[in-house]
Amino acid sequence: MLHERHCDRIGGVRTLLVGSSLQGLALLLFLPFDGLVSLFVISAMFGLFQGGIVPSYAIIVREHFPPNEAGARVGTVMMASLFGMALGGWMSGAIFDWTGSYDAAFVNGILWNLLNMAIAFWLLRRQQNSGLP
């Protein structure tokens, strides 16, 4: 409920940018720490931030498309999101197998997160240029 109010106040794309920025920060924090406690704390942070990103996709669809298209579009976005999460988990394991370290896997995650942020910035800029809220 709190997430929806936040999205309603600043918009879905801005909420996505906040969540993606925090998720990127969590990914960065994995690099210098290697203890079990830090793993649990940073993993919890990452999960909370990622969990705030996924609902913002439905809000973004609601803001940009008519209601009669929302179901199909939200379903497609969620499918792509789940596919990306599954691919990311597999890819991280493959990178670990290849390098013997999770550092490269975290850097890979950071790069994908930056791509997500670049798309969100593009959407925000497009939204501002078209006069949408």
N, C-alpha and C. Protein backbone atom coordinates (compact mmCIF):
# COMPACT_ATOMS: atom_id res chain seq x y z
N MET A 1 0.82 -1.19 0.00
CA MET A 1 0.00 0.00 0.00
C MET A 1 0.87 1.26 0.00
N LEU A 2 1.93 1.26 0.79
CA LEU A 2 2.82 2.42 0.85
C LEU A 2 3.46 2.65 -0.51
N HIS A 3 3.82 1.56 -1.20
CA HIS A 3 4.45 1.68 -2.52
C HIS A 3 3.51 2.35 -3.51
N GLU A 4 2.23 1.97 -3.48
CA GLU A 4 1.27 2.57 -4.41
C GLU A 4 1.13 4.06 -4.17
N ARG A 5 1.09 4.48 -2.92
CA ARG A 5 0.97 5.90 -2.64
C ARG A 5 2.21 6.65 -3.12
N HIS A 6 3.37 6.04 -2.95
CA HIS A 6 4.61 6.65 -3.42
C HIS A 6 4.56 6.81 -4.94
N CYS A 7 4.14 5.76 -5.64
CA CYS A 7 4.01 5.82 -7.10
C CYS A 7 3.01 6.87 -7.51
N ASP A 8 1.89 6.96 -6.81
CA ASP A 8 0.87 7.94 -7.16
C ASP A 8 1.39 9.36 -6.98
N ARG A 9 2.26 9.55 -6.03
CA ARG A 9 2.78 10.89 -5.76
C ARG A 9 3.85 11.31 -6.76
N ILE A 10 4.81 10.45 -7.04
CA ILE A 10 5.92 10.85 -7.92
C ILE A 10 5.88 10.19 -9.29
N GLY A 11 5.01 9.21 -9.48
CA GLY A 11 4.90 8.53 -10.76
C GLY A 11 5.66 7.22 -10.80
N GLY A 12 5.21 6.33 -11.68
CA GLY A 12 5.81 5.01 -11.79
C GLY A 12 7.25 5.02 -12.26
N VAL A 13 7.56 5.86 -13.24
CA VAL A 13 8.92 5.88 -13.79
C VAL A 13 9.90 6.40 -12.74
N ARG A 14 9.52 7.45 -12.02
CA ARG A 14 10.41 7.97 -10.97
C ARG A 14 10.59 6.93 -9.85
N THR A 15 9.52 6.23 -9.53
CA THR A 15 9.63 5.17 -8.52
C THR A 15 10.56 4.07 -9.00
N LEU A 16 10.46 3.73 -10.28
CA LEU A 16 11.37 2.74 -10.86
C LEU A 16 12.82 3.22 -10.76
N LEU A 17 13.06 4.49 -11.02
CA LEU A 17 14.42 5.03 -10.93
C LEU A 17 14.95 4.98 -9.50
N VAL A 18 14.11 5.32 -8.53
CA VAL A 18 14.53 5.26 -7.13
C VAL A 18 14.87 3.81 -6.76
N GLY A 19 13.97 2.90 -7.09
CA GLY A 19 14.21 1.48 -6.78
C GLY A 19 15.43 0.92 -7.48
N SER A 20 15.60 1.26 -8.74
CA SER A 20 16.76 0.77 -9.49
C SER A 20 18.07 1.34 -8.94
N SER A 21 18.04 2.60 -8.53
CA SER A 21 19.23 3.20 -7.93
C SER A 21 19.60 2.49 -6.63
N LEU A 22 18.60 2.22 -5.80
CA LEU A 22 18.86 1.53 -4.54
C LEU A 22 19.30 0.09 -4.78
N GLN A 23 18.71 -0.56 -5.78
CA GLN A 23 19.14 -1.92 -6.13
C GLN A 23 20.58 -1.92 -6.60
N GLY A 24 20.95 -0.93 -7.42
CA GLY A 24 22.34 -0.82 -7.87
C GLY A 24 23.29 -0.59 -6.71
N LEU A 25 22.87 0.22 -5.74
CA LEU A 25 23.69 0.44 -4.54
C LEU A 25 23.90 -0.87 -3.79
N ALA A 26 22.82 -1.65 -3.64
CA ALA A 26 22.95 -2.94 -2.96
C ALA A 26 23.92 -3.85 -3.71
N LEU A 27 23.82 -3.88 -5.03
CA LEU A 27 24.75 -4.70 -5.81
C LEU A 27 26.19 -4.25 -5.60
N LEU A 28 26.40 -2.94 -5.55
CA LEU A 28 27.74 -2.42 -5.30
C LEU A 28 28.25 -2.84 -3.92
N LEU A 29 27.36 -2.88 -2.94
CA LEU A 29 27.77 -3.25 -1.58
C LEU A 29 28.21 -4.70 -1.48
N PHE A 30 27.74 -5.55 -2.38
CA PHE A 30 28.19 -6.94 -2.35
C PHE A 30 29.68 -7.06 -2.65
N LEU A 31 30.22 -6.12 -3.42
CA LEU A 31 31.62 -6.25 -3.87
C LEU A 31 32.65 -6.17 -2.74
N PRO A 32 32.59 -5.18 -1.83
CA PRO A 32 33.64 -5.09 -0.82
C PRO A 32 33.45 -6.02 0.39
N PHE A 33 32.26 -6.57 0.58
CA PHE A 33 31.99 -7.38 1.76
C PHE A 33 31.91 -8.85 1.40
N ASP A 34 32.43 -9.72 2.30
CA ASP A 34 32.35 -11.15 2.00
C ASP A 34 31.97 -12.00 3.21
N GLY A 35 31.52 -11.38 4.29
CA GLY A 35 31.10 -12.12 5.46
C GLY A 35 29.66 -12.59 5.36
N LEU A 36 29.30 -13.54 6.22
CA LEU A 36 27.97 -14.10 6.21
C LEU A 36 26.92 -13.07 6.66
N VAL A 37 27.22 -12.29 7.70
CA VAL A 37 26.27 -11.29 8.18
C VAL A 37 26.03 -10.24 7.10
N SER A 38 27.10 -9.75 6.48
CA SER A 38 26.92 -8.75 5.42
C SER A 38 26.15 -9.34 4.24
N LEU A 39 26.36 -10.62 3.95
CA LEU A 39 25.60 -11.27 2.88
C LEU A 39 24.10 -11.23 3.18
N PHE A 40 23.72 -11.56 4.41
CA PHE A 40 22.31 -11.56 4.78
C PHE A 40 21.72 -10.15 4.77
N VAL A 41 22.46 -9.20 5.31
CA VAL A 41 21.95 -7.82 5.39
C VAL A 41 21.79 -7.22 3.99
N ILE A 42 22.82 -7.35 3.16
CA ILE A 42 22.77 -6.78 1.81
C ILE A 42 21.74 -7.52 0.95
N SER A 43 21.63 -8.83 1.14
CA SER A 43 20.62 -9.59 0.39
C SER A 43 19.21 -9.14 0.76
N ALA A 44 18.97 -8.87 2.04
CA ALA A 44 17.66 -8.37 2.46
C ALA A 44 17.38 -7.00 1.83
N MET A 45 18.39 -6.13 1.84
CA MET A 45 18.23 -4.82 1.21
C MET A 45 17.92 -4.98 -0.28
N PHE A 46 18.70 -5.81 -0.94
CA PHE A 46 18.51 -6.03 -2.38
C PHE A 46 17.09 -6.53 -2.66
N GLY A 47 16.64 -7.49 -1.87
CA GLY A 47 15.30 -8.04 -2.06
C GLY A 47 14.21 -7.01 -1.87
N LEU A 48 14.35 -6.15 -0.86
CA LEU A 48 13.37 -5.09 -0.64
C LEU A 48 13.35 -4.12 -1.80
N PHE A 49 14.53 -3.73 -2.28
CA PHE A 49 14.59 -2.78 -3.39
C PHE A 49 14.04 -3.40 -4.67
N GLN A 50 14.39 -4.63 -4.94
CA GLN A 50 13.90 -5.31 -6.14
C GLN A 50 12.40 -5.52 -6.03
N GLY A 51 11.92 -5.83 -4.85
CA GLY A 51 10.49 -6.02 -4.65
C GLY A 51 9.68 -4.75 -4.85
N GLY A 52 10.32 -3.60 -4.72
CA GLY A 52 9.65 -2.34 -4.99
C GLY A 52 9.65 -1.97 -6.45
N ILE A 53 10.57 -2.54 -7.20
CA ILE A 53 10.68 -2.24 -8.63
C ILE A 53 9.57 -2.92 -9.42
N VAL A 54 9.34 -4.19 -9.15
CA VAL A 54 8.40 -4.97 -9.95
C VAL A 54 6.99 -4.36 -9.97
N PRO A 55 6.43 -3.94 -8.83
CA PRO A 55 5.09 -3.32 -8.91
C PRO A 55 5.06 -2.01 -9.69
N SER A 56 6.19 -1.32 -9.75
CA SER A 56 6.20 -0.05 -10.48
C SER A 56 5.98 -0.26 -11.98
N TYR A 57 6.31 -1.45 -12.49
CA TYR A 57 6.07 -1.72 -13.91
C TYR A 57 4.56 -1.67 -14.21
N ALA A 58 3.75 -2.24 -13.32
CA ALA A 58 2.30 -2.21 -13.54
C ALA A 58 1.78 -0.77 -13.47
N ILE A 59 2.35 0.04 -12.58
CA ILE A 59 1.94 1.44 -12.47
C ILE A 59 2.32 2.19 -13.74
N ILE A 60 3.49 1.92 -14.27
CA ILE A 60 3.93 2.58 -15.50
C ILE A 60 2.98 2.22 -16.65
N VAL A 61 2.60 0.96 -16.75
CA VAL A 61 1.64 0.56 -17.78
C VAL A 61 0.32 1.30 -17.57
N ARG A 62 -0.13 1.39 -16.33
CA ARG A 62 -1.39 2.09 -16.03
C ARG A 62 -1.32 3.55 -16.44
N GLU A 63 -0.16 4.16 -16.27
CA GLU A 63 -0.01 5.58 -16.59
C GLU A 63 0.07 5.86 -18.09
N HIS A 64 0.49 4.88 -18.88
CA HIS A 64 0.78 5.13 -20.28
C HIS A 64 -0.13 4.45 -21.29
N PHE A 65 -0.98 3.54 -20.83
CA PHE A 65 -1.82 2.80 -21.76
C PHE A 65 -3.27 2.79 -21.28
N PRO A 66 -4.20 2.66 -22.23
CA PRO A 66 -5.61 2.61 -21.84
C PRO A 66 -5.93 1.33 -21.05
N PRO A 67 -6.96 1.38 -20.21
CA PRO A 67 -7.31 0.23 -19.37
C PRO A 67 -7.57 -1.06 -20.16
N ASN A 68 -8.13 -0.95 -21.35
CA ASN A 68 -8.44 -2.18 -22.11
C ASN A 68 -7.18 -2.90 -22.61
N GLU A 69 -6.02 -2.26 -22.54
CA GLU A 69 -4.76 -2.88 -22.94
C GLU A 69 -3.92 -3.30 -21.74
N ALA A 70 -4.32 -2.90 -20.54
CA ALA A 70 -3.48 -3.09 -19.36
C ALA A 70 -3.19 -4.56 -19.06
N GLY A 71 -4.21 -5.41 -19.13
CA GLY A 71 -4.00 -6.82 -18.77
C GLY A 71 -2.92 -7.48 -19.60
N ALA A 72 -3.00 -7.36 -20.91
CA ALA A 72 -2.01 -7.99 -21.78
C ALA A 72 -0.64 -7.37 -21.59
N ARG A 73 -0.60 -6.06 -21.44
CA ARG A 73 0.70 -5.39 -21.29
C ARG A 73 1.36 -5.70 -19.95
N VAL A 74 0.58 -5.68 -18.88
CA VAL A 74 1.14 -6.02 -17.56
C VAL A 74 1.62 -7.47 -17.57
N GLY A 75 0.83 -8.36 -18.15
CA GLY A 75 1.26 -9.76 -18.24
C GLY A 75 2.56 -9.92 -19.00
N THR A 76 2.70 -9.20 -20.09
CA THR A 76 3.93 -9.26 -20.88
C THR A 76 5.11 -8.71 -20.10
N VAL A 77 4.90 -7.59 -19.42
CA VAL A 77 5.97 -6.98 -18.64
C VAL A 77 6.40 -7.90 -17.49
N MET A 78 5.43 -8.50 -16.80
CA MET A 78 5.76 -9.40 -15.70
C MET A 78 6.48 -10.65 -16.21
N MET A 79 6.05 -11.16 -17.36
CA MET A 79 6.73 -12.32 -17.95
C MET A 79 8.18 -11.97 -18.27
N ALA A 80 8.40 -10.81 -18.86
CA ALA A 80 9.76 -10.40 -19.19
C ALA A 80 10.58 -10.20 -17.92
N SER A 81 9.96 -9.65 -16.88
CA SER A 81 10.65 -9.43 -15.61
C SER A 81 11.07 -10.76 -14.98
N LEU A 82 10.15 -11.72 -14.95
CA LEU A 82 10.46 -13.03 -14.38
C LEU A 82 11.52 -13.76 -15.21
N PHE A 83 11.43 -13.64 -16.52
CA PHE A 83 12.44 -14.24 -17.39
C PHE A 83 13.81 -13.63 -17.09
N GLY A 84 13.84 -12.30 -16.94
CA GLY A 84 15.10 -11.63 -16.63
C GLY A 84 15.68 -12.06 -15.29
N MET A 85 14.82 -12.23 -14.30
CA MET A 85 15.31 -12.67 -12.99
C MET A 85 15.86 -14.10 -13.06
N ALA A 86 15.16 -14.97 -13.80
CA ALA A 86 15.64 -16.34 -13.95
C ALA A 86 16.95 -16.38 -14.73
N LEU A 87 17.03 -15.61 -15.81
CA LEU A 87 18.25 -15.55 -16.61
C LEU A 87 19.40 -14.99 -15.78
N GLY A 88 19.11 -13.96 -14.98
CA GLY A 88 20.15 -13.37 -14.14
C GLY A 88 20.71 -14.35 -13.13
N GLY A 89 19.83 -15.14 -12.52
CA GLY A 89 20.31 -16.15 -11.56
C GLY A 89 21.18 -17.20 -12.23
N TRP A 90 20.72 -17.67 -13.39
CA TRP A 90 21.52 -18.65 -14.13
C TRP A 90 22.84 -18.04 -14.58
N MET A 91 22.77 -16.81 -15.10
CA MET A 91 23.96 -16.15 -15.61
C MET A 91 25.00 -15.93 -14.50
N SER A 92 24.54 -15.58 -13.31
CA SER A 92 25.46 -15.38 -12.19
C SER A 92 26.19 -16.67 -11.85
N GLY A 93 25.45 -17.78 -11.86
CA GLY A 93 26.11 -19.07 -11.61
C GLY A 93 27.10 -19.43 -12.70
N ALA A 94 26.74 -19.17 -13.95
CA ALA A 94 27.65 -19.45 -15.07
C ALA A 94 28.91 -18.58 -14.98
N ILE A 95 28.73 -17.32 -14.61
CA ILE A 95 29.89 -16.42 -14.46
C ILE A 95 30.78 -16.90 -13.32
N PHE A 96 30.16 -17.35 -12.22
CA PHE A 96 30.96 -17.90 -11.11
C PHE A 96 31.74 -19.12 -11.57
N ASP A 97 31.07 -20.01 -12.30
CA ASP A 97 31.76 -21.21 -12.80
C ASP A 97 32.92 -20.84 -13.71
N TRP A 98 32.75 -19.79 -14.48
CA TRP A 98 33.79 -19.38 -15.43
C TRP A 98 34.94 -18.67 -14.74
N THR A 99 34.63 -17.81 -13.73
CA THR A 99 35.67 -16.98 -13.11
C THR A 99 36.09 -17.45 -11.73
N GLY A 100 35.27 -18.26 -11.06
CA GLY A 100 35.59 -18.69 -9.70
C GLY A 100 35.30 -17.62 -8.65
N SER A 101 34.59 -16.56 -9.05
CA SER A 101 34.28 -15.46 -8.14
C SER A 101 32.92 -14.88 -8.49
N TYR A 102 32.23 -14.41 -7.45
CA TYR A 102 30.96 -13.74 -7.71
C TYR A 102 31.13 -12.26 -8.03
N ASP A 103 32.33 -11.72 -7.90
CA ASP A 103 32.53 -10.30 -8.19
C ASP A 103 32.11 -9.95 -9.62
N ALA A 104 32.52 -10.78 -10.57
CA ALA A 104 32.14 -10.52 -11.97
C ALA A 104 30.63 -10.64 -12.15
N ALA A 105 30.00 -11.54 -11.41
CA ALA A 105 28.54 -11.68 -11.50
C ALA A 105 27.85 -10.43 -10.96
N PHE A 106 28.37 -9.87 -9.87
CA PHE A 106 27.78 -8.64 -9.34
C PHE A 106 27.99 -7.47 -10.30
N VAL A 107 29.16 -7.40 -10.91
CA VAL A 107 29.41 -6.34 -11.91
C VAL A 107 28.44 -6.52 -13.09
N ASN A 108 28.21 -7.75 -13.51
CA ASN A 108 27.24 -8.02 -14.56
C ASN A 108 25.85 -7.53 -14.14
N GLY A 109 25.46 -7.80 -12.91
CA GLY A 109 24.17 -7.32 -12.41
C GLY A 109 24.10 -5.80 -12.39
N ILE A 110 25.19 -5.17 -12.01
CA ILE A 110 25.24 -3.70 -11.99
C ILE A 110 25.06 -3.15 -13.40
N LEU A 111 25.71 -3.77 -14.38
CA LEU A 111 25.58 -3.31 -15.77
C LEU A 111 24.14 -3.46 -16.29
N TRP A 112 23.49 -4.59 -15.97
CA TRP A 112 22.09 -4.77 -16.38
C TRP A 112 21.20 -3.75 -15.67
N ASN A 113 21.52 -3.48 -14.41
CA ASN A 113 20.75 -2.48 -13.66
C ASN A 113 20.92 -1.10 -14.29
N LEU A 114 22.13 -0.78 -14.74
CA LEU A 114 22.35 0.50 -15.42
C LEU A 114 21.56 0.59 -16.72
N LEU A 115 21.43 -0.53 -17.43
CA LEU A 115 20.61 -0.55 -18.64
C LEU A 115 19.15 -0.27 -18.29
N ASN A 116 18.67 -0.90 -17.23
CA ASN A 116 17.30 -0.65 -16.77
C ASN A 116 17.11 0.83 -16.42
N MET A 117 18.08 1.42 -15.75
CA MET A 117 17.99 2.83 -15.38
C MET A 117 18.05 3.72 -16.62
N ALA A 118 18.85 3.36 -17.60
CA ALA A 118 18.93 4.16 -18.83
C ALA A 118 17.58 4.16 -19.55
N ILE A 119 16.94 3.00 -19.60
CA ILE A 119 15.61 2.92 -20.22
C ILE A 119 14.61 3.77 -19.44
N ALA A 120 14.68 3.70 -18.10
CA ALA A 120 13.76 4.48 -17.27
C ALA A 120 14.01 5.97 -17.45
N PHE A 121 15.27 6.38 -17.52
CA PHE A 121 15.58 7.80 -17.78
C PHE A 121 15.04 8.24 -19.14
N TRP A 122 15.18 7.37 -20.14
CA TRP A 122 14.64 7.68 -21.46
C TRP A 122 13.13 7.86 -21.40
N LEU A 123 12.45 6.94 -20.69
CA LEU A 123 11.00 7.05 -20.54
C LEU A 123 10.61 8.33 -19.81
N LEU A 124 11.36 8.67 -18.76
CA LEU A 124 11.06 9.89 -18.00
C LEU A 124 11.23 11.12 -18.87
N ARG A 125 12.30 11.15 -19.63
CA ARG A 125 12.54 12.29 -20.52
C ARG A 125 11.45 12.40 -21.59
N ARG A 126 11.08 11.28 -22.15
CA ARG A 126 10.01 11.24 -23.16
C ARG A 126 8.69 11.70 -22.55
N GLN A 127 8.45 11.25 -21.34
CA GLN A 127 7.23 11.63 -20.61
C GLN A 127 7.21 13.14 -20.36
N GLN A 128 8.33 13.70 -19.95
CA GLN A 128 8.42 15.14 -19.68
C GLN A 128 8.26 15.95 -20.97
N ASN A 129 8.84 15.48 -22.06
CA ASN A 129 8.73 16.19 -23.35
C ASN A 129 7.32 16.15 -23.91
N SER A 130 6.57 15.11 -23.57
CA SER A 130 5.20 15.02 -24.09
C SER A 130 4.18 15.71 -23.19
N GLY A 131 4.65 16.20 -22.04
CA GLY A 131 3.76 16.90 -21.12
C GLY A 131 2.98 16.00 -20.20
N LEU A 132 3.28 14.69 -20.16
CA LEU A 132 2.61 13.79 -19.24
C LEU A 132 3.12 14.04 -17.82
N PRO A 133 2.29 13.75 -16.81
CA PRO A 133 2.75 13.98 -15.42
C PRO A 133 3.82 13.03 -14.99
